[in-house]
Amino acid sequence: MTSSGLQAGADGAIAVIGDMSIHAIPRLYRESQALLTGEQDQTLDLSGVNHADSAGFALLLEWKSWAQRAGHRLDIVNPPSTLLTVARLAGADGLMGWKDIPVKKGATP
């Protein structure tokens, strides 16, 4: 299992680092309660994610829901191919704003 966490960037974006699989979700959820406040529009950068599964995607949906209920936007950018594939299989790539992002060949969830 790879370590994981959330990190606030200088540009205001919040970066997810490391693992976004079922074993990392409780820690990411706890950390997100302080960083993803829903008090303003925010950007979540997934470029630092090295492993993700459907549990990670479920957490992303939860975070989107938090922002929506607060009346703010959460843009989730730079998704890894595994999350793009899960989103497409679930028919939620449009909801995530990932409809036009190509999945790299050879990527599997």
PDB file of N, CA and C in Angstrom:
ATOM      1  N   MET A   1       0.846  -1.183   0.000  1.00  0.00           N
ATOM      2  CA  MET A   1       0.000   0.000   0.000  1.00  0.00           C
ATOM      3  C   MET A   1       0.888   1.242   0.000  1.00  0.00           C
ATOM      4  N   THR A   2       0.586   2.185  -0.864  1.00  0.00           N
ATOM      5  CA  THR A   2       1.328   3.431  -0.977  1.00  0.00           C
ATOM      6  C   THR A   2       0.678   4.469  -0.080  1.00  0.00           C
ATOM      7  N   SER A   3       1.506   5.365   0.494  1.00  0.00           N
ATOM      8  CA  SER A   3       0.928   6.410   1.327  1.00  0.00           C
ATOM      9  C   SER A   3       0.157   7.390   0.452  1.00  0.00           C
ATOM     10  N   SER A   4      -0.682   8.153   1.083  1.00  0.00           N
ATOM     11  CA  SER A   4      -1.505   9.103   0.353  1.00  0.00           C
ATOM     12  C   SER A   4      -1.792  10.299   1.229  1.00  0.00           C
ATOM     13  N   GLY A   5      -2.239  11.363   0.600  1.00  0.00           N
ATOM     14  CA  GLY A   5      -2.605  12.540   1.356  1.00  0.00           C
ATOM     15  C   GLY A   5      -3.061  13.659   0.452  1.00  0.00           C
ATOM     16  N   LEU A   6      -3.486  14.736   1.078  1.00  0.00           N
ATOM     17  CA  LEU A   6      -3.907  15.943   0.382  1.00  0.00           C
ATOM     18  C   LEU A   6      -2.932  17.049   0.741  1.00  0.00           C
ATOM     19  N   GLN A   7      -2.657  17.904  -0.243  1.00  0.00           N
ATOM     20  CA  GLN A   7      -1.701  18.961  -0.023  1.00  0.00           C
ATOM     21  C   GLN A   7      -2.197  20.228  -0.697  1.00  0.00           C
ATOM     22  N   ALA A   8      -2.266  21.313   0.062  1.00  0.00           N
ATOM     23  CA  ALA A   8      -2.679  22.595  -0.510  1.00  0.00           C
ATOM     24  C   ALA A   8      -1.507  23.188  -1.267  1.00  0.00           C
ATOM     25  N   GLY A   9      -1.741  23.578  -2.510  1.00  0.00           N
ATOM     26  CA  GLY A   9      -0.692  24.153  -3.344  1.00  0.00           C
ATOM     27  C   GLY A   9      -0.673  25.662  -3.263  1.00  0.00           C
ATOM     28  N   ALA A  10       0.428  26.248  -3.704  1.00  0.00           N
ATOM     29  CA  ALA A  10       0.583  27.696  -3.692  1.00  0.00           C
ATOM     30  C   ALA A  10      -0.427  28.374  -4.618  1.00  0.00           C
ATOM     31  N   ASP A  11      -0.862  27.648  -5.668  1.00  0.00           N
ATOM     32  CA  ASP A  11      -1.815  28.211  -6.615  1.00  0.00           C
ATOM     33  C   ASP A  11      -3.263  28.098  -6.135  1.00  0.00           C
ATOM     34  N   GLY A  12      -3.462  27.576  -4.935  1.00  0.00           N
ATOM     35  CA  GLY A  12      -4.802  27.425  -4.389  1.00  0.00           C
ATOM     36  C   GLY A  12      -5.432  26.079  -4.670  1.00  0.00           C
ATOM     37  N   ALA A  13      -4.844  25.319  -5.582  1.00  0.00           N
ATOM     38  CA  ALA A  13      -5.364  23.976  -5.866  1.00  0.00           C
ATOM     39  C   ALA A  13      -4.974  23.035  -4.732  1.00  0.00           C
ATOM     40  N   ILE A  14      -5.768  22.006  -4.587  1.00  0.00           N
ATOM     41  CA  ILE A  14      -5.467  20.966  -3.608  1.00  0.00           C
ATOM     42  C   ILE A  14      -5.036  19.732  -4.388  1.00  0.00           C
ATOM     43  N   ALA A  15      -3.864  19.212  -4.049  1.00  0.00           N
ATOM     44  CA  ALA A  15      -3.321  18.060  -4.758  1.00  0.00           C
ATOM     45  C   ALA A  15      -3.570  16.789  -3.964  1.00  0.00           C
ATOM     46  N   VAL A  16      -4.012  15.752  -4.658  1.00  0.00           N
ATOM     47  CA  VAL A  16      -4.096  14.424  -4.071  1.00  0.00           C
ATOM     48  C   VAL A  16      -2.792  13.727  -4.451  1.00  0.00           C
ATOM     49  N   ILE A  17      -2.091  13.208  -3.457  1.00  0.00           N
ATOM     50  CA  ILE A  17      -0.792  12.587  -3.662  1.00  0.00           C
ATOM     51  C   ILE A  17      -0.868  11.114  -3.289  1.00  0.00           C
ATOM     52  N   GLY A  18      -0.333  10.255  -4.153  1.00  0.00           N
ATOM     53  CA  GLY A  18      -0.201   8.838  -3.830  1.00  0.00           C
ATOM     54  C   GLY A  18      -1.407   7.998  -4.213  1.00  0.00           C
ATOM     55  N   ASP A  19      -1.860   7.234  -3.266  1.00  0.00           N
ATOM     56  CA  ASP A  19      -2.861   6.185  -3.462  1.00  0.00           C
ATOM     57  C   ASP A  19      -4.274   6.715  -3.257  1.00  0.00           C
ATOM     58  N   MET A  20      -5.175   6.348  -4.163  1.00  0.00           N
ATOM     59  CA  MET A  20      -6.606   6.659  -4.021  1.00  0.00           C
ATOM     60  C   MET A  20      -7.409   5.375  -4.141  1.00  0.00           C
ATOM     61  N   SER A  21      -6.961   4.348  -3.446  1.00  0.00           N
ATOM     62  CA  SER A  21      -7.677   3.072  -3.471  1.00  0.00           C
ATOM     63  C   SER A  21      -8.373   2.867  -2.132  1.00  0.00           C
ATOM     64  N   ILE A  22      -9.062   1.780  -2.016  1.00  0.00           N
ATOM     65  CA  ILE A  22      -9.925   1.527  -0.855  1.00  0.00           C
ATOM     66  C   ILE A  22      -9.193   1.660   0.484  1.00  0.00           C
ATOM     67  N   HIS A  23      -7.927   1.323   0.533  1.00  0.00           N
ATOM     68  CA  HIS A  23      -7.186   1.390   1.798  1.00  0.00           C
ATOM     69  C   HIS A  23      -6.848   2.823   2.197  1.00  0.00           C
ATOM     70  N   ALA A  24      -6.784   3.717   1.242  1.00  0.00           N
ATOM     71  CA  ALA A  24      -6.422   5.109   1.509  1.00  0.00           C
ATOM     72  C   ALA A  24      -7.621   6.008   1.763  1.00  0.00           C
ATOM     73  N   ILE A  25      -8.802   5.567   1.438  1.00  0.00           N
ATOM     74  CA  ILE A  25      -9.992   6.423   1.491  1.00  0.00           C
ATOM     75  C   ILE A  25     -10.280   6.981   2.882  1.00  0.00           C
ATOM     76  N   PRO A  26     -10.205   6.205   3.972  1.00  0.00           N
ATOM     77  CA  PRO A  26     -10.490   6.808   5.283  1.00  0.00           C
ATOM     78  C   PRO A  26      -9.570   7.987   5.605  1.00  0.00           C
ATOM     79  N   ARG A  27      -8.285   7.841   5.299  1.00  0.00           N
ATOM     80  CA  ARG A  27      -7.350   8.936   5.577  1.00  0.00           C
ATOM     81  C   ARG A  27      -7.658  10.153   4.703  1.00  0.00           C
ATOM     82  N   LEU A  28      -7.868   9.935   3.411  1.00  0.00           N
ATOM     83  CA  LEU A  28      -8.180  11.045   2.517  1.00  0.00           C
ATOM     84  C   LEU A  28      -9.467  11.744   2.928  1.00  0.00           C
ATOM     85  N   TYR A  29     -10.450  10.977   3.342  1.00  0.00           N
ATOM     86  CA  TYR A  29     -11.726  11.553   3.778  1.00  0.00           C
ATOM     87  C   TYR A  29     -11.506  12.467   4.985  1.00  0.00           C
ATOM     88  N   ARG A  30     -10.749  11.977   5.972  1.00  0.00           N
ATOM     89  CA  ARG A  30     -10.476  12.792   7.171  1.00  0.00           C
ATOM     90  C   ARG A  30      -9.745  14.082   6.804  1.00  0.00           C
ATOM     91  N   GLU A  31      -8.711  13.970   5.982  1.00  0.00           N
ATOM     92  CA  GLU A  31      -7.945  15.153   5.581  1.00  0.00           C
ATOM     93  C   GLU A  31      -8.801  16.133   4.787  1.00  0.00           C
ATOM     94  N   SER A  32      -9.692  15.614   3.977  1.00  0.00           N
ATOM     95  CA  SER A  32     -10.494  16.475   3.104  1.00  0.00           C
ATOM     96  C   SER A  32     -11.460  17.345   3.887  1.00  0.00           C
ATOM     97  N   GLN A  33     -11.850  16.933   5.059  1.00  0.00           N
ATOM     98  CA  GLN A  33     -12.821  17.711   5.823  1.00  0.00           C
ATOM     99  C   GLN A  33     -12.271  19.082   6.201  1.00  0.00           C
ATOM    100  N   ALA A  34     -10.952  19.202   6.329  1.00  0.00           N
ATOM    101  CA  ALA A  34     -10.349  20.497   6.639  1.00  0.00           C
ATOM    102  C   ALA A  34     -10.005  21.296   5.386  1.00  0.00           C
ATOM    103  N   LEU A  35      -9.611  20.604   4.305  1.00  0.00           N
ATOM    104  CA  LEU A  35      -9.155  21.304   3.101  1.00  0.00           C
ATOM    105  C   LEU A  35     -10.267  21.625   2.115  1.00  0.00           C
ATOM    106  N   LEU A  36     -11.223  20.730   1.962  1.00  0.00           N
ATOM    107  CA  LEU A  36     -12.328  20.952   1.028  1.00  0.00           C
ATOM    108  C   LEU A  36     -13.506  21.524   1.795  1.00  0.00           C
ATOM    109  N   THR A  37     -13.409  22.794   2.072  1.00  0.00           N
ATOM    110  CA  THR A  37     -14.374  23.424   2.962  1.00  0.00           C
ATOM    111  C   THR A  37     -15.711  23.721   2.305  1.00  0.00           C
ATOM    112  N   GLY A  38     -15.737  23.848   0.979  1.00  0.00           N
ATOM    113  CA  GLY A  38     -16.981  24.197   0.313  1.00  0.00           C
ATOM    114  C   GLY A  38     -17.343  25.654   0.467  1.00  0.00           C
ATOM    115  N   GLU A  39     -16.409  26.458   1.017  1.00  0.00           N
ATOM    116  CA  GLU A  39     -16.672  27.882   1.207  1.00  0.00           C
ATOM    117  C   GLU A  39     -16.395  28.696  -0.044  1.00  0.00           C
ATOM    118  N   GLN A  40     -15.775  28.069  -1.044  1.00  0.00           N
ATOM    119  CA  GLN A  40     -15.455  28.747  -2.298  1.00  0.00           C
ATOM    120  C   GLN A  40     -15.257  27.705  -3.387  1.00  0.00           C
ATOM    121  N   ASP A  41     -15.199  28.159  -4.638  1.00  0.00           N
ATOM    122  CA  ASP A  41     -14.871  27.246  -5.727  1.00  0.00           C
ATOM    123  C   ASP A  41     -13.439  26.756  -5.514  1.00  0.00           C
ATOM    124  N   GLN A  42     -13.210  25.483  -5.771  1.00  0.00           N
ATOM    125  CA  GLN A  42     -11.890  24.914  -5.562  1.00  0.00           C
ATOM    126  C   GLN A  42     -11.504  24.005  -6.722  1.00  0.00           C
ATOM    127  N   THR A  43     -10.197  23.757  -6.842  1.00  0.00           N
ATOM    128  CA  THR A  43      -9.665  22.833  -7.829  1.00  0.00           C
ATOM    129  C   THR A  43      -8.918  21.726  -7.112  1.00  0.00           C
ATOM    130  N   LEU A  44      -9.193  20.510  -7.522  1.00  0.00           N
ATOM    131  CA  LEU A  44      -8.529  19.329  -6.975  1.00  0.00           C
ATOM    132  C   LEU A  44      -7.689  18.720  -8.089  1.00  0.00           C
ATOM    133  N   ASP A  45      -6.383  18.634  -7.875  1.00  0.00           N
ATOM    134  CA  ASP A  45      -5.453  18.142  -8.892  1.00  0.00           C
ATOM    135  C   ASP A  45      -5.070  16.695  -8.593  1.00  0.00           C
ATOM    136  N   LEU A  46      -5.356  15.810  -9.530  1.00  0.00           N
ATOM    137  CA  LEU A  46      -5.075  14.381  -9.354  1.00  0.00           C
ATOM    138  C   LEU A  46      -3.786  13.933 -10.040  1.00  0.00           C
ATOM    139  N   SER A  47      -2.964  14.864 -10.509  1.00  0.00           N
ATOM    140  CA  SER A  47      -1.753  14.475 -11.238  1.00  0.00           C
ATOM    141  C   SER A  47      -0.762  13.707 -10.364  1.00  0.00           C
ATOM    142  N   GLY A  48      -0.870  13.806  -9.054  1.00  0.00           N
ATOM    143  CA  GLY A  48       0.031  13.083  -8.148  1.00  0.00           C
ATOM    144  C   GLY A  48      -0.485  11.722  -7.717  1.00  0.00           C
ATOM    145  N   VAL A  49      -1.629  11.299  -8.260  1.00  0.00           N
ATOM    146  CA  VAL A  49      -2.200   9.995  -7.900  1.00  0.00           C
ATOM    147  C   VAL A  49      -1.474   8.909  -8.689  1.00  0.00           C
ATOM    148  N   ASN A  50      -0.941   7.914  -7.970  1.00  0.00           N
ATOM    149  CA  ASN A  50      -0.238   6.831  -8.668  1.00  0.00           C
ATOM    150  C   ASN A  50      -1.034   5.537  -8.707  1.00  0.00           C
ATOM    151  N   HIS A  51      -2.088   5.427  -7.933  1.00  0.00           N
ATOM    152  CA  HIS A  51      -2.964   4.251  -7.974  1.00  0.00           C
ATOM    153  C   HIS A  51      -4.355   4.679  -7.527  1.00  0.00           C
ATOM    154  N   ALA A  52      -5.373   4.228  -8.261  1.00  0.00           N
ATOM    155  CA  ALA A  52      -6.754   4.577  -7.915  1.00  0.00           C
ATOM    156  C   ALA A  52      -7.667   3.433  -8.313  1.00  0.00           C
ATOM    157  N   ASP A  53      -8.790   3.334  -7.621  1.00  0.00           N
ATOM    158  CA  ASP A  53      -9.793   2.323  -7.957  1.00  0.00           C
ATOM    159  C   ASP A  53     -11.176   2.932  -7.795  1.00  0.00           C
ATOM    160  N   SER A  54     -12.197   2.101  -7.854  1.00  0.00           N
ATOM    161  CA  SER A  54     -13.573   2.605  -7.792  1.00  0.00           C
ATOM    162  C   SER A  54     -13.891   3.267  -6.444  1.00  0.00           C
ATOM    163  N   ALA A  55     -13.218   2.862  -5.377  1.00  0.00           N
ATOM    164  CA  ALA A  55     -13.425   3.521  -4.079  1.00  0.00           C
ATOM    165  C   ALA A  55     -12.924   4.965  -4.140  1.00  0.00           C
ATOM    166  N   GLY A  56     -11.815   5.172  -4.832  1.00  0.00           N
ATOM    167  CA  GLY A  56     -11.315   6.526  -5.030  1.00  0.00           C
ATOM    168  C   GLY A  56     -12.289   7.366  -5.830  1.00  0.00           C
ATOM    169  N   PHE A  57     -12.889   6.763  -6.844  1.00  0.00           N
ATOM    170  CA  PHE A  57     -13.879   7.478  -7.640  1.00  0.00           C
ATOM    171  C   PHE A  57     -15.100   7.831  -6.787  1.00  0.00           C
ATOM    172  N   ALA A  58     -15.522   6.924  -5.935  1.00  0.00           N
ATOM    173  CA  ALA A  58     -16.660   7.202  -5.049  1.00  0.00           C
ATOM    174  C   ALA A  58     -16.362   8.387  -4.137  1.00  0.00           C
ATOM    175  N   LEU A  59     -15.126   8.480  -3.659  1.00  0.00           N
ATOM    176  CA  LEU A  59     -14.751   9.620  -2.819  1.00  0.00           C
ATOM    177  C   LEU A  59     -14.796  10.921  -3.621  1.00  0.00           C
ATOM    178  N   LEU A  60     -14.355  10.881  -4.870  1.00  0.00           N
ATOM    179  CA  LEU A  60     -14.454  12.075  -5.722  1.00  0.00           C
ATOM    180  C   LEU A  60     -15.904  12.525  -5.881  1.00  0.00           C
ATOM    181  N   LEU A  61     -16.808  11.575  -6.065  1.00  0.00           N
ATOM    182  CA  LEU A  61     -18.230  11.916  -6.164  1.00  0.00           C
ATOM    183  C   LEU A  61     -18.741  12.547  -4.870  1.00  0.00           C
ATOM    184  N   GLU A  62     -18.285  12.041  -3.738  1.00  0.00           N
ATOM    185  CA  GLU A  62     -18.670  12.620  -2.448  1.00  0.00           C
ATOM    186  C   GLU A  62     -18.179  14.064  -2.345  1.00  0.00           C
ATOM    187  N   TRP A  63     -16.934  14.295  -2.740  1.00  0.00           N
ATOM    188  CA  TRP A  63     -16.389  15.650  -2.694  1.00  0.00           C
ATOM    189  C   TRP A  63     -17.153  16.592  -3.622  1.00  0.00           C
ATOM    190  N   LYS A  64     -17.511  16.119  -4.811  1.00  0.00           N
ATOM    191  CA  LYS A  64     -18.318  16.932  -5.727  1.00  0.00           C
ATOM    192  C   LYS A  64     -19.665  17.271  -5.084  1.00  0.00           C
ATOM    193  N   SER A  65     -20.236  16.301  -4.391  1.00  0.00           N
ATOM    194  CA  SER A  65     -21.519  16.501  -3.726  1.00  0.00           C
ATOM    195  C   SER A  65     -21.407  17.549  -2.619  1.00  0.00           C
ATOM    196  N   TRP A  66     -20.322  17.495  -1.836  1.00  0.00           N
ATOM    197  CA  TRP A  66     -20.104  18.503  -0.782  1.00  0.00           C
ATOM    198  C   TRP A  66     -20.138  19.900  -1.385  1.00  0.00           C
ATOM    199  N   ALA A  67     -19.370  20.079  -2.465  1.00  0.00           N
ATOM    200  CA  ALA A  67     -19.278  21.397  -3.095  1.00  0.00           C
ATOM    201  C   ALA A  67     -20.640  21.845  -3.633  1.00  0.00           C
ATOM    202  N   GLN A  68     -21.334  20.933  -4.284  1.00  0.00           N
ATOM    203  CA  GLN A  68     -22.641  21.270  -4.854  1.00  0.00           C
ATOM    204  C   GLN A  68     -23.622  21.686  -3.762  1.00  0.00           C
ATOM    205  N   ARG A  69     -23.649  20.946  -2.671  1.00  0.00           N
ATOM    206  CA  ARG A  69     -24.569  21.301  -1.571  1.00  0.00           C
ATOM    207  C   ARG A  69     -24.231  22.662  -0.973  1.00  0.00           C
ATOM    208  N   ALA A  70     -22.947  23.037  -1.013  1.00  0.00           N
ATOM    209  CA  ALA A  70     -22.518  24.337  -0.485  1.00  0.00           C
ATOM    210  C   ALA A  70     -22.698  25.458  -1.506  1.00  0.00           C
ATOM    211  N   GLY A  71     -23.110  25.088  -2.733  1.00  0.00           N
ATOM    212  CA  GLY A  71     -23.322  26.086  -3.767  1.00  0.00           C
ATOM    213  C   GLY A  71     -22.044  26.524  -4.463  1.00  0.00           C
ATOM    214  N   HIS A  72     -21.031  25.666  -4.422  1.00  0.00           N
ATOM    215  CA  HIS A  72     -19.753  25.997  -5.044  1.00  0.00           C
ATOM    216  C   HIS A  72     -19.352  24.919  -6.036  1.00  0.00           C
ATOM    217  N   ARG A  73     -18.347  25.251  -6.831  1.00  0.00           N
ATOM    218  CA  ARG A  73     -17.853  24.326  -7.849  1.00  0.00           C
ATOM    219  C   ARG A  73     -16.553  23.683  -7.367  1.00  0.00           C
ATOM    220  N   LEU A  74     -16.417  22.399  -7.658  1.00  0.00           N
ATOM    221  CA  LEU A  74     -15.160  21.682  -7.423  1.00  0.00           C
ATOM    222  C   LEU A  74     -14.728  21.120  -8.762  1.00  0.00           C
ATOM    223  N   ASP A  75     -13.659  21.688  -9.310  1.00  0.00           N
ATOM    224  CA  ASP A  75     -13.094  21.187 -10.553  1.00  0.00           C
ATOM    225  C   ASP A  75     -12.052  20.138 -10.203  1.00  0.00           C
ATOM    226  N   ILE A  76     -12.182  18.965 -10.789  1.00  0.00           N
ATOM    227  CA  ILE A  76     -11.236  17.880 -10.550  1.00  0.00           C
ATOM    228  C   ILE A  76     -10.456  17.681 -11.840  1.00  0.00           C
ATOM    229  N   VAL A  77      -9.155  17.969 -11.790  1.00  0.00           N
ATOM    230  CA  VAL A  77      -8.328  17.982 -12.991  1.00  0.00           C
ATOM    231  C   VAL A  77      -7.241  16.911 -12.953  1.00  0.00           C
ATOM    232  N   ASN A  78      -6.731  16.590 -14.128  1.00  0.00           N
ATOM    233  CA  ASN A  78      -5.628  15.639 -14.315  1.00  0.00           C
ATOM    234  C   ASN A  78      -5.921  14.242 -13.761  1.00  0.00           C
ATOM    235  N   PRO A  79      -7.086  13.678 -14.089  1.00  0.00           N
ATOM    236  CA  PRO A  79      -7.402  12.341 -13.571  1.00  0.00           C
ATOM    237  C   PRO A  79      -6.509  11.272 -14.212  1.00  0.00           C
ATOM    238  N   PRO A  80      -6.086  10.284 -13.431  1.00  0.00           N
ATOM    239  CA  PRO A  80      -5.344   9.170 -14.025  1.00  0.00           C
ATOM    240  C   PRO A  80      -6.282   8.313 -14.890  1.00  0.00           C
ATOM    241  N   SER A  81      -5.702   7.558 -15.787  1.00  0.00           N
ATOM    242  CA  SER A  81      -6.490   6.738 -16.716  1.00  0.00           C
ATOM    243  C   SER A  81      -7.446   5.788 -16.007  1.00  0.00           C
ATOM    244  N   THR A  82      -7.033   5.253 -14.864  1.00  0.00           N
ATOM    245  CA  THR A  82      -7.918   4.320 -14.164  1.00  0.00           C
ATOM    246  C   THR A  82      -9.211   4.998 -13.734  1.00  0.00           C
ATOM    247  N   LEU A  83      -9.120   6.237 -13.243  1.00  0.00           N
ATOM    248  CA  LEU A  83     -10.328   6.948 -12.834  1.00  0.00           C
ATOM    249  C   LEU A  83     -11.165   7.375 -14.036  1.00  0.00           C
ATOM    250  N   LEU A  84     -10.504   7.722 -15.136  1.00  0.00           N
ATOM    251  CA  LEU A  84     -11.263   8.023 -16.361  1.00  0.00           C
ATOM    252  C   LEU A  84     -12.071   6.811 -16.806  1.00  0.00           C
ATOM    253  N   THR A  85     -11.440   5.643 -16.741  1.00  0.00           N
ATOM    254  CA  THR A  85     -12.121   4.416 -17.154  1.00  0.00           C
ATOM    255  C   THR A  85     -13.308   4.119 -16.247  1.00  0.00           C
ATOM    256  N   VAL A  86     -13.128   4.243 -14.935  1.00  0.00           N
ATOM    257  CA  VAL A  86     -14.223   4.001 -13.994  1.00  0.00           C
ATOM    258  C   VAL A  86     -15.353   4.991 -14.251  1.00  0.00           C
ATOM    259  N   ALA A  87     -15.011   6.259 -14.473  1.00  0.00           N
ATOM    260  CA  ALA A  87     -16.035   7.277 -14.731  1.00  0.00           C
ATOM    261  C   ALA A  87     -16.818   6.963 -16.003  1.00  0.00           C
ATOM    262  N   ARG A  88     -16.117   6.521 -17.033  1.00  0.00           N
ATOM    263  CA  ARG A  88     -16.793   6.191 -18.291  1.00  0.00           C
ATOM    264  C   ARG A  88     -17.683   4.979 -18.122  1.00  0.00           C
ATOM    265  N   LEU A  89     -17.209   3.970 -17.414  1.00  0.00           N
ATOM    266  CA  LEU A  89     -18.032   2.782 -17.181  1.00  0.00           C
ATOM    267  C   LEU A  89     -19.293   3.122 -16.391  1.00  0.00           C
ATOM    268  N   ALA A  90     -19.176   4.081 -15.486  1.00  0.00           N
ATOM    269  CA  ALA A  90     -20.321   4.494 -14.671  1.00  0.00           C
ATOM    270  C   ALA A  90     -21.194   5.528 -15.382  1.00  0.00           C
ATOM    271  N   GLY A  91     -20.755   5.994 -16.550  1.00  0.00           N
ATOM    272  CA  GLY A  91     -21.510   7.027 -17.260  1.00  0.00           C
ATOM    273  C   GLY A  91     -21.438   8.372 -16.563  1.00  0.00           C
ATOM    274  N   ALA A  92     -20.362   8.613 -15.803  1.00  0.00           N
ATOM    275  CA  ALA A  92     -20.245   9.838 -15.016  1.00  0.00           C
ATOM    276  C   ALA A  92     -19.100  10.733 -15.468  1.00  0.00           C
ATOM    277  N   ASP A  93     -18.505  10.455 -16.619  1.00  0.00           N
ATOM    278  CA  ASP A  93     -17.390  11.282 -17.082  1.00  0.00           C
ATOM    279  C   ASP A  93     -17.848  12.710 -17.389  1.00  0.00           C
ATOM    280  N   GLY A  94     -19.066  12.873 -17.856  1.00  0.00           N
ATOM    281  CA  GLY A  94     -19.606  14.211 -18.089  1.00  0.00           C
ATOM    282  C   GLY A  94     -19.803  14.968 -16.786  1.00  0.00           C
ATOM    283  N   LEU A  95     -20.323  14.306 -15.784  1.00  0.00           N
ATOM    284  CA  LEU A  95     -20.518  14.904 -14.466  1.00  0.00           C
ATOM    285  C   LEU A  95     -19.197  15.394 -13.886  1.00  0.00           C
ATOM    286  N   MET A  96     -18.127  14.643 -14.144  1.00  0.00           N
ATOM    287  CA  MET A  96     -16.818  14.997 -13.616  1.00  0.00           C
ATOM    288  C   MET A  96     -16.111  16.049 -14.471  1.00  0.00           C
ATOM    289  N   GLY A  97     -16.661  16.343 -15.656  1.00  0.00           N
ATOM    290  CA  GLY A  97     -16.010  17.280 -16.552  1.00  0.00           C
ATOM    291  C   GLY A  97     -14.872  16.647 -17.339  1.00  0.00           C
ATOM    292  N   TRP A  98     -14.921  15.324 -17.488  1.00  0.00           N
ATOM    293  CA  TRP A  98     -13.837  14.565 -18.127  1.00  0.00           C
ATOM    294  C   TRP A  98     -14.246  14.000 -19.479  1.00  0.00           C
ATOM    295  N   LYS A  99     -15.359  14.411 -20.019  1.00  0.00           N
ATOM    296  CA  LYS A  99     -15.905  13.815 -21.239  1.00  0.00           C
ATOM    297  C   LYS A  99     -14.922  13.839 -22.407  1.00  0.00           C
ATOM    298  N   ASP A 100     -14.158  14.903 -22.540  1.00  0.00           N
ATOM    299  CA  ASP A 100     -13.278  15.056 -23.691  1.00  0.00           C
ATOM    300  C   ASP A 100     -11.840  14.627 -23.429  1.00  0.00           C
ATOM    301  N   ILE A 101     -11.554  14.046 -22.285  1.00  0.00           N
ATOM    302  CA  ILE A 101     -10.186  13.619 -21.977  1.00  0.00           C
ATOM    303  C   ILE A 101     -10.014  12.180 -22.487  1.00  0.00           C
ATOM    304  N   PRO A 102      -9.021  11.950 -23.341  1.00  0.00           N
ATOM    305  CA  PRO A 102      -8.814  10.586 -23.845  1.00  0.00           C
ATOM    306  C   PRO A 102      -8.185   9.674 -22.784  1.00  0.00           C
ATOM    307  N   VAL A 103      -8.604   8.427 -22.789  1.00  0.00           N
ATOM    308  CA  VAL A 103      -7.997   7.425 -21.912  1.00  0.00           C
ATOM    309  C   VAL A 103      -6.790   6.878 -22.652  1.00  0.00           C
ATOM    310  N   LYS A 104      -5.652   6.826 -21.960  1.00  0.00           N
ATOM    311  CA  LYS A 104      -4.442   6.315 -22.581  1.00  0.00           C
ATOM    312  C   LYS A 104      -4.576   4.839 -22.858  1.00  0.00           C
ATOM    313  N   LYS A 105      -4.094   4.407 -23.998  1.00  0.00           N
ATOM    314  CA  LYS A 105      -4.153   2.991 -24.364  1.00  0.00           C
ATOM    315  C   LYS A 105      -3.393   2.159 -23.354  1.00  0.00           C
ATOM    316  N   GLY A 106      -3.931   0.981 -23.070  1.00  0.00           N
ATOM    317  CA  GLY A 106      -3.288   0.071 -22.126  1.00  0.00           C
ATOM    318  C   GLY A 106      -3.660   0.323 -20.678  1.00  0.00           C
ATOM    319  N   ALA A 107      -4.436   1.367 -20.413  1.00  0.00           N
ATOM    320  CA  ALA A 107      -4.855   1.663 -19.036  1.00  0.00           C
ATOM    321  C   ALA A 107      -5.998   0.751 -18.638  1.00  0.00           C
ATOM    322  N   THR A 108      -5.890   0.201 -17.463  1.00  0.00           N
ATOM    323  CA  THR A 108      -6.955  -0.642 -16.940  1.00  0.00           C
ATOM    324  C   THR A 108      -7.329  -0.184 -15.554  1.00  0.00           C
ATOM    325  N   PRO A 109      -8.574  -0.321 -15.169  1.00  0.00           N
ATOM    326  CA  PRO A 109      -8.983   0.104 -13.826  1.00  0.00           C
ATOM    327  C   PRO A 109      -8.492  -0.854 -12.760  1.00  0.00           C
TER     328      PRO A 109
END
